C-alpha cells in the first residue's frame, strides 16, 4: 500500500507539473532599447515636401524684340557677370553709331578750329588796347577788336556745346544698340535657352507670360523652401540651425540655417495652413552635386541638450509611459516618466527612469501587458 501511495503521489506531481507547463503563459519575444545619455534635440519639420531653389535666378529676355543674330551660350554653360549671351540683328544701329561717332569727331575738330581763332582774337584785342593807351589807334578800332574777340569766344562756346550734343547722340545710339545685347546680370549656369539663330524673340508683355530667351541660375547659393505647420511656426527664429534631406541622396543630411520666415500663412483648399520657411545651405561645397528643383525636407532645431538621458521615441506610449523590463525577472511593468526635449528619433527622460534601464522598443507586439514574461528577440538596441 505504501508503494502504491508513493506512486500515486509521484504521478499527481508529474500531472500537475505537466498541466502547469502546458498552460503557462508563453513569453513574448520583443526588441529592447536601453536608456543612455546623448544628444537630444527639439525639432520641427515640414508638412509637405520642399524644393531646392537658387538665391538668384533670372529668366532673361532682350529689352527689345528682334531677330537672333548670335547665340553665344547653350544649356549647361557657365557664364560670368556681364558676358554677352545673345545678340539681335543690329546692323542698322551699328551704322547709326558710326555716323554719330563721325559727327562727334567732326564737331570736336570744328570746336578746336573755332576756339583757336577765339584765342587769336583775344590776343589781338589785348594788343589793340595797348595801342589805344599809347594813342596809336582810335577808340572805334579798339571797340571793334574787343567785339570781334567776344564773338569768336561765343562761337567757341557754341562749338563746345555742339561737341556735347554730338557726344549725347553717340550715347543715345549706343544705348539703343545695347538693347540688342542680352548680358548675364550675374555669374551662374544656363538652365534653358529658348530660340535659335534666325528666329525672332520678344520681351514678355505685361500680363502675357512668354518663355524667357535664357534662364540663368546662380547655383553658388542654394536654399530650400518648405511649408511648416502654422502651429510650429511661432517657435522658429531666423538663424536657427537646420538639417536638409534630399530625396535624391537618401541617408545624407546637409547643414543649414533659417534665412527667411514668410510673414503670412498659406490657406490652400484641402490642405493644412502652413508658413513657408527658407533654410539656406551652410556649406557651398555641397552645391556641386545638387540641382535646383530637387525635392527636399527640412528639420529645424529649436533646442538641444547634450548628455541628456534619452530613449528612442518609438518606445514611448500614450501618457508618457514605457514597458520597463524588471531586472532579473524579464517581466514587464508599465512605468511613467517625465519627458523633456523630444523629436521623432529621441525623447529626453527627466525623471522616472535611470540610466541603463531596458524598455520595449517593439511596442506594437501582441500580448504586452503588466507582468508578462518577455524574451529579447535580439541584442538590446543602444541609443548612441
Protein backbone atom coordinates (compact mmCIF):
# COMPACT_ATOMS: atom_id res chain seq x y z
CA UNK A 1 0.00 0.00 0.00
CA UNK A 2 2.87 2.36 0.83
CA UNK A 3 4.40 1.80 -2.59
CA UNK A 4 1.05 2.43 -4.24
CA UNK A 5 0.62 5.67 -2.34
CA UNK A 6 4.11 6.88 -3.28
CA UNK A 7 3.44 6.02 -6.90
CA UNK A 8 0.12 7.89 -6.87
CA UNK A 9 1.72 10.95 -5.30
CA UNK A 10 4.50 10.93 -7.89
CA UNK A 11 2.00 10.61 -10.71
CA UNK A 12 -0.02 13.51 -9.27
CA UNK A 13 3.04 15.74 -9.08
CA UNK A 14 4.03 14.88 -12.63
CA UNK A 15 0.48 15.54 -13.83
CA UNK A 16 0.40 18.90 -12.05
CA UNK A 17 3.79 19.85 -13.47
CA UNK A 18 2.68 18.84 -16.94
CA UNK A 19 -0.53 20.83 -16.63
CA UNK A 20 1.38 23.89 -15.41
CA UNK A 21 3.92 23.56 -18.22
CA UNK A 22 1.17 23.17 -20.81
CA UNK A 23 -0.87 26.12 -19.54
CA UNK A 24 1.92 28.55 -18.51
CA UNK A 25 1.97 31.96 -20.31
CA UNK A 26 4.20 31.94 -23.38
CA UNK A 27 6.96 34.58 -23.14
CA UNK A 28 6.62 37.42 -25.69
CA UNK A 29 9.57 37.99 -27.99
CA UNK A 30 10.40 41.71 -28.05
CA UNK A 31 13.11 44.12 -29.18
CA UNK A 32 14.60 46.14 -26.34
CA UNK A 33 16.29 49.51 -26.05
CA UNK A 34 18.35 50.90 -23.21
CA UNK A 35 18.21 54.33 -21.60
CA UNK A 36 21.56 56.03 -22.19
CA UNK A 37 22.97 59.53 -22.31
CA UNK A 38 23.43 61.50 -25.51
CA UNK A 39 22.24 64.46 -27.56
CA UNK A 40 18.52 65.23 -27.60
CA UNK A 41 17.00 67.93 -29.82
CA UNK A 42 13.60 69.51 -30.12
CA UNK A 43 12.83 69.92 -33.82
CA UNK A 44 10.06 70.76 -36.25
CA UNK A 45 9.78 69.53 -39.82
CA UNK A 46 7.90 70.45 -42.95
CA UNK A 47 4.42 69.10 -43.57
CA UNK A 48 4.90 68.65 -47.32
CA UNK A 49 7.99 68.28 -49.49
CA UNK A 50 10.05 71.42 -50.01
CA UNK A 51 12.00 72.50 -53.07
CA UNK A 52 15.65 73.37 -53.63
CA UNK A 53 15.85 76.89 -55.09
CA UNK A 54 18.64 79.26 -56.12
CA UNK A 55 19.18 82.51 -54.23
CA UNK A 56 19.30 84.22 -57.64
CA UNK A 57 17.53 83.04 -60.76
CA UNK A 58 16.70 85.24 -63.74
CA UNK A 59 14.52 84.46 -66.72
CA UNK A 60 16.17 86.82 -69.21
CA UNK A 61 14.95 88.37 -72.45
CA UNK A 62 16.27 91.24 -74.60
CA UNK A 63 14.88 94.69 -73.80
CA UNK A 64 13.62 94.95 -77.37
CA UNK A 65 12.38 92.41 -79.87
CA UNK A 66 14.26 91.32 -82.94
CA UNK A 67 15.89 88.53 -84.89
CA UNK A 68 18.53 86.45 -83.14
CA UNK A 69 21.86 87.02 -84.90
CA UNK A 70 24.24 85.35 -82.44
CA UNK A 71 23.63 82.83 -79.69
CA UNK A 72 26.76 82.59 -77.58
CA UNK A 73 25.67 80.02 -74.97
CA UNK A 74 23.94 76.68 -74.74
CA UNK A 75 22.19 74.89 -71.89
CA UNK A 76 24.60 73.87 -69.16
CA UNK A 77 27.22 76.54 -69.95
CA UNK A 78 28.72 78.53 -67.10
CA UNK A 79 28.87 82.29 -67.66
CA UNK A 80 30.41 85.25 -65.87
CA UNK A 81 28.85 88.58 -64.96
CA UNK A 82 28.42 90.84 -67.99
CA UNK A 83 29.03 88.11 -70.57
CA UNK A 84 27.02 88.50 -73.79
CA UNK A 85 24.55 85.63 -74.01
CA UNK A 86 22.58 86.63 -77.08
CA UNK A 87 22.75 89.30 -79.78
CA UNK A 88 19.93 90.54 -82.02
CA UNK A 89 20.37 91.81 -85.58
CA UNK A 90 21.62 95.39 -85.19
CA UNK A 91 23.46 96.40 -88.37
CA UNK A 92 21.26 99.48 -88.76
CA UNK A 93 22.03 100.69 -85.25
CA UNK A 94 25.72 99.91 -85.72
CA UNK A 95 25.71 102.11 -88.86
CA UNK A 96 23.93 104.89 -86.96
CA UNK A 97 26.55 104.64 -84.23
CA UNK A 98 29.37 105.02 -86.74
CA UNK A 99 27.68 108.09 -88.25
CA UNK A 100 27.15 109.61 -84.81
CA UNK A 101 30.79 108.95 -83.86
CA UNK A 102 31.99 110.59 -87.10
CA UNK A 103 29.78 113.60 -86.45
CA UNK A 104 31.12 113.81 -82.91
CA UNK A 105 34.69 113.76 -84.15
CA UNK A 106 33.88 116.45 -86.76
CA UNK A 107 32.32 118.62 -84.05
CA UNK A 108 35.43 118.28 -81.89
CA UNK A 109 37.66 119.30 -84.79
CA UNK A 110 35.41 122.26 -85.59
CA UNK A 111 35.46 123.31 -81.93
CA UNK A 112 39.26 123.17 -81.92
CA UNK A 113 39.41 125.40 -85.00
CA UNK A 114 36.91 127.96 -83.68
CA UNK A 115 38.50 128.12 -80.24
CA UNK A 116 41.97 128.69 -81.71
CA UNK A 117 40.52 131.61 -83.68
CA UNK A 118 38.89 132.91 -80.46
CA UNK A 119 42.25 132.75 -78.66
CA UNK A 120 43.85 134.75 -81.51
CA UNK A 121 41.05 137.34 -81.41
CA UNK A 122 41.55 137.88 -77.66
CA UNK A 123 45.26 138.42 -78.14
CA UNK A 124 44.59 140.94 -80.93
CA UNK A 125 42.08 142.76 -78.69
CA UNK A 126 44.70 143.00 -75.95
CA UNK A 127 47.27 144.45 -78.37
CA UNK A 128 44.67 146.97 -79.62
CA UNK A 129 44.04 148.04 -76.00
CA UNK A 130 47.77 148.68 -75.53
CA UNK A 131 47.95 150.67 -78.80
CA UNK A 132 44.94 152.75 -77.77
CA UNK A 133 46.61 153.63 -74.46
CA UNK A 134 49.58 154.99 -76.45
CA UNK A 135 47.25 156.85 -78.83
CA UNK A 136 48.19 154.93 -81.94
CA UNK A 137 44.62 153.77 -82.79
CA UNK A 138 41.18 155.21 -82.31
CA UNK A 139 38.59 154.17 -79.73
CA UNK A 140 36.38 152.85 -82.51
CA UNK A 141 39.03 150.43 -83.70
CA UNK A 142 39.55 149.16 -80.14
CA UNK A 143 35.80 148.57 -79.73
CA UNK A 144 35.73 146.64 -82.99
CA UNK A 145 38.65 144.42 -81.92
CA UNK A 146 37.08 143.67 -78.50
CA UNK A 147 33.67 142.90 -80.04
CA UNK A 148 35.23 140.56 -82.60
CA UNK A 149 37.16 138.71 -79.85
CA UNK A 150 33.95 138.25 -77.84
CA UNK A 151 32.11 136.95 -80.90
CA UNK A 152 34.84 134.44 -81.60
CA UNK A 153 34.76 133.27 -77.94
CA UNK A 154 30.99 132.83 -78.16
CA UNK A 155 31.49 130.78 -81.32
CA UNK A 156 33.99 128.64 -79.40
CA UNK A 157 31.49 128.04 -76.60
CA UNK A 158 28.82 127.15 -79.15
CA UNK A 159 31.21 124.69 -80.79
CA UNK A 160 31.82 123.03 -77.41
CA UNK A 161 28.05 122.76 -76.93
CA UNK A 162 27.81 121.09 -80.33
CA UNK A 163 30.51 118.64 -79.23
CA UNK A 164 28.44 117.75 -76.14
CA UNK A 165 25.35 117.38 -78.29
CA UNK A 166 27.18 115.08 -80.70
CA UNK A 167 28.52 113.05 -77.79
CA UNK A 168 24.99 112.72 -76.41
CA UNK A 169 23.83 111.45 -79.80
CA UNK A 170 26.56 108.82 -79.68
CA UNK A 171 25.45 107.80 -76.19
CA UNK A 172 21.82 107.60 -77.29
CA UNK A 173 22.62 105.37 -80.27
CA UNK A 174 24.95 103.25 -78.13
CA UNK A 175 22.16 102.83 -75.55
CA UNK A 176 19.76 101.81 -78.29
CA UNK A 177 22.36 99.36 -79.60
CA UNK A 178 22.84 97.86 -76.13
CA UNK A 179 19.17 96.86 -76.15
CA UNK A 180 20.05 94.28 -78.79
CA UNK A 181 22.53 92.54 -76.47
CA UNK A 182 21.48 90.20 -73.67
CA UNK A 183 24.13 90.14 -70.93
CA UNK A 184 24.41 87.99 -67.81
CA UNK A 185 23.46 90.07 -64.73
CA UNK A 186 25.42 87.61 -62.56
CA UNK A 187 27.61 84.55 -62.92
CA UNK A 188 25.95 81.15 -62.99
CA UNK A 189 24.81 78.26 -65.15
CA UNK A 190 22.47 78.45 -68.15
CA UNK A 191 19.45 76.30 -67.38
CA UNK A 192 17.45 76.83 -70.56
CA UNK A 193 17.77 78.58 -73.91
CA UNK A 194 14.68 79.39 -75.97
CA UNK A 195 15.19 80.26 -79.64
CA UNK A 196 17.69 79.64 -82.41
CA UNK A 197 19.74 81.84 -84.74
CA UNK A 198 17.41 83.49 -87.25
CA UNK A 199 14.31 83.22 -85.06
CA UNK A 200 12.56 86.26 -83.62
CA UNK A 201 12.36 86.88 -79.90
CA UNK A 202 10.40 89.46 -77.96
CA UNK A 203 10.24 90.54 -74.30
CA UNK A 204 7.23 89.36 -72.33
CA UNK A 205 4.39 91.92 -72.47
CA UNK A 206 2.59 92.72 -69.18
CA UNK A 207 0.09 90.01 -68.35
CA UNK A 208 1.21 87.70 -71.19
CA UNK A 209 3.93 85.30 -69.98
CA UNK A 210 6.28 84.10 -72.71
CA UNK A 211 9.24 81.71 -72.42
CA UNK A 212 12.48 83.52 -71.49
CA UNK A 213 15.27 83.66 -74.02
CA UNK A 214 17.75 82.47 -71.38
CA UNK A 215 17.04 81.03 -67.93
CA UNK A 216 20.10 81.77 -65.75
CA UNK A 217 20.70 80.23 -62.31
CA UNK A 218 23.25 81.34 -59.73
CA UNK A 219 23.98 77.97 -58.13
CA UNK A 220 26.61 79.35 -55.76
CA UNK A 221 23.85 79.91 -53.21
CA UNK A 222 21.00 77.44 -52.69
CA UNK A 223 18.18 77.15 -50.18
CA UNK A 224 15.10 75.05 -49.54
CA UNK A 225 11.59 76.48 -49.29
CA UNK A 226 9.44 74.22 -47.14
CA UNK A 227 5.94 74.57 -45.64
CA UNK A 228 5.83 74.41 -41.82
CA UNK A 229 2.57 73.87 -39.93
CA UNK A 230 1.15 77.13 -38.57
CA UNK A 231 1.22 75.66 -35.04
CA UNK A 232 5.01 75.19 -35.20
CA UNK A 233 5.80 78.47 -36.97
CA UNK A 234 5.87 80.75 -33.85
CA UNK A 235 8.78 78.76 -32.36
CA UNK A 236 11.01 79.27 -35.42
CA UNK A 237 13.51 82.12 -35.48
CA UNK A 238 15.95 83.46 -38.05
CA UNK A 239 19.39 81.89 -37.83
CA UNK A 240 18.28 78.65 -36.17
CA UNK A 241 20.17 75.52 -37.23
CA UNK A 242 18.55 73.12 -39.60
CA UNK A 243 19.21 69.88 -41.44
CA UNK A 244 18.22 69.34 -45.05
CA UNK A 245 17.43 65.94 -46.55
CA UNK A 246 17.36 65.49 -50.33
CA UNK A 247 15.25 62.67 -51.77
CA UNK A 248 17.85 62.11 -54.48
CA UNK A 249 20.54 61.49 -51.84
CA UNK A 250 18.97 59.24 -49.18
CA UNK A 251 20.85 58.98 -45.91
CA UNK A 252 22.66 62.31 -46.29
CA UNK A 253 21.88 65.43 -44.29
CA UNK A 254 23.11 68.89 -45.26
CA UNK A 255 23.63 71.57 -42.58
CA UNK A 256 21.74 74.83 -42.99
CA UNK A 257 20.16 77.76 -41.18
CA UNK A 258 16.85 79.62 -41.33
CA UNK A 259 17.20 82.62 -43.65
CA UNK A 260 13.58 83.70 -44.03
CA UNK A 261 10.18 83.15 -42.46
CA UNK A 262 7.19 84.14 -44.58
CA UNK A 263 5.13 86.95 -42.97
CA UNK A 264 1.83 85.28 -43.82
CA UNK A 265 0.02 81.93 -43.62
CA UNK A 266 -0.85 79.98 -46.76
CA UNK A 267 -4.51 78.96 -46.81
CA UNK A 268 -4.99 76.46 -49.61
CA UNK A 269 -8.08 74.40 -50.17
CA UNK A 270 -7.97 70.87 -48.71
CA UNK A 271 -4.52 71.47 -47.18
CA UNK A 272 -3.36 72.37 -43.69
CA UNK A 273 -2.46 76.01 -43.17
CA UNK A 274 1.28 76.46 -43.37
CA UNK A 275 4.04 79.07 -43.28
CA UNK A 276 6.84 78.93 -45.87
CA UNK A 277 10.30 78.82 -44.27
CA UNK A 278 13.56 79.13 -46.21
CA UNK A 279 16.57 77.16 -44.98
CA UNK A 280 19.87 78.02 -46.70
CA UNK A 281 22.69 75.51 -47.13
CA UNK A 282 25.67 76.32 -44.90
CA UNK A 283 28.38 74.59 -46.96
CA UNK A 284 28.74 75.92 -50.54
CA UNK A 285 30.94 72.94 -51.49
CA UNK A 286 27.85 70.72 -51.43
CA UNK A 287 26.30 72.57 -54.37
CA UNK A 288 28.36 70.68 -56.93
CA UNK A 289 26.05 67.69 -56.52
CA UNK A 290 22.74 69.50 -56.03
CA UNK A 291 20.32 70.64 -58.68
CA UNK A 292 17.73 73.38 -58.45
CA UNK A 293 14.28 71.85 -58.28
CA UNK A 294 15.16 68.80 -56.16
CA UNK A 295 12.51 67.87 -53.61
CA UNK A 296 13.77 68.21 -50.05
CA UNK A 297 12.76 68.07 -46.39
CA UNK A 298 13.99 70.30 -43.58
CA UNK A 299 14.33 69.70 -39.86
CA UNK A 300 14.76 72.88 -37.79
CA UNK A 301 16.44 72.57 -34.40
CA UNK A 302 14.54 74.59 -31.77
CA UNK A 303 16.58 73.48 -28.74
CA UNK A 304 19.29 70.93 -27.93
CA UNK A 305 20.71 69.30 -24.79
CA UNK A 306 24.00 67.38 -24.61
CA UNK A 307 24.47 64.26 -22.46
CA UNK A 308 20.79 64.01 -21.62
CA UNK A 309 19.25 60.70 -20.51
CA UNK A 310 17.28 59.61 -23.55
CA UNK A 311 15.16 56.85 -25.05
CA UNK A 312 14.14 56.12 -28.62
CA UNK A 313 10.86 57.96 -29.18
CA UNK A 314 9.37 54.76 -30.60
CA UNK A 315 9.41 53.25 -27.06
CA UNK A 316 7.11 55.93 -25.61
CA UNK A 317 3.44 55.00 -25.15
CA UNK A 318 0.45 57.28 -24.69
CA UNK A 319 0.62 59.12 -21.38
CA UNK A 320 4.44 59.20 -21.39
CA UNK A 321 4.75 55.56 -20.34
CA UNK A 322 7.12 52.77 -21.33
CA UNK A 323 7.22 49.00 -20.90
CA UNK A 324 10.09 48.62 -18.41
CA UNK A 325 11.83 45.24 -18.11
CA UNK A 326 12.12 44.21 -14.45
CA UNK A 327 15.78 43.44 -13.75
CA UNK A 328 16.49 39.70 -13.15
CA UNK A 329 12.92 38.61 -13.91
CA UNK A 330 12.41 39.59 -17.54
CA UNK A 331 8.84 40.65 -16.83
CA UNK A 332 7.15 43.87 -17.93
CA UNK A 333 5.98 46.77 -15.81
CA UNK A 334 4.33 49.95 -17.08
CA UNK A 335 6.43 52.89 -15.95
CA UNK A 336 5.51 56.57 -16.37
CA UNK A 337 8.29 59.14 -16.72
CA UNK A 338 8.72 62.89 -17.11
CA UNK A 339 9.75 63.75 -20.69
CA UNK A 340 11.87 66.71 -21.78
CA UNK A 341 13.02 67.62 -25.27
CA UNK A 342 11.77 65.31 -27.97
CA UNK A 343 11.83 64.66 -31.68
CA UNK A 344 10.94 61.77 -33.92
CA UNK A 345 14.18 59.96 -33.00
CA UNK A 346 14.85 60.53 -29.28
CA UNK A 347 12.97 61.68 -26.17
CA UNK A 348 14.69 63.09 -23.09
CA UNK A 349 13.98 61.47 -19.71
CA UNK A 350 13.94 64.00 -16.86
CA UNK A 351 12.58 61.76 -14.15
CA UNK A 352 11.15 58.28 -13.65
CA UNK A 353 13.86 56.15 -15.30
CA UNK A 354 17.53 55.51 -14.69
CA UNK A 355 20.50 55.12 -16.96
CA UNK A 356 20.77 51.50 -18.12
CA UNK A 357 17.06 50.70 -17.78
CA UNK A 358 15.78 48.40 -20.53
CA UNK A 359 12.46 49.19 -22.22
CA UNK A 360 10.47 47.61 -25.02
CA UNK A 361 11.09 49.09 -28.45
CA UNK A 362 8.69 46.82 -30.38
CA UNK A 363 5.59 48.20 -28.64
CA UNK A 364 3.31 47.03 -31.45
CA UNK A 365 3.73 43.34 -30.49
CA UNK A 366 0.65 41.43 -29.32
CA UNK A 367 0.47 40.20 -25.72
CA UNK A 368 2.31 43.02 -23.98
CA UNK A 369 0.83 43.61 -20.54
CA UNK A 370 1.78 44.10 -16.92
CA UNK A 371 3.74 41.15 -15.53
CA UNK A 372 4.12 39.22 -18.78
CA UNK A 373 7.43 37.46 -19.32
CA UNK A 374 9.48 38.52 -22.32
CA UNK A 375 12.30 37.07 -24.36
CA UNK A 376 14.70 39.53 -26.02
CA UNK A 377 14.44 38.91 -29.76
CA UNK A 378 17.89 40.29 -30.48
CA UNK A 379 20.63 42.32 -28.85
CA UNK A 380 19.41 45.37 -26.98
CA UNK A 381 19.32 48.46 -29.20
CA UNK A 382 21.69 51.18 -27.99
CA UNK A 383 20.69 54.82 -28.37
CA UNK A 384 24.18 56.05 -29.22
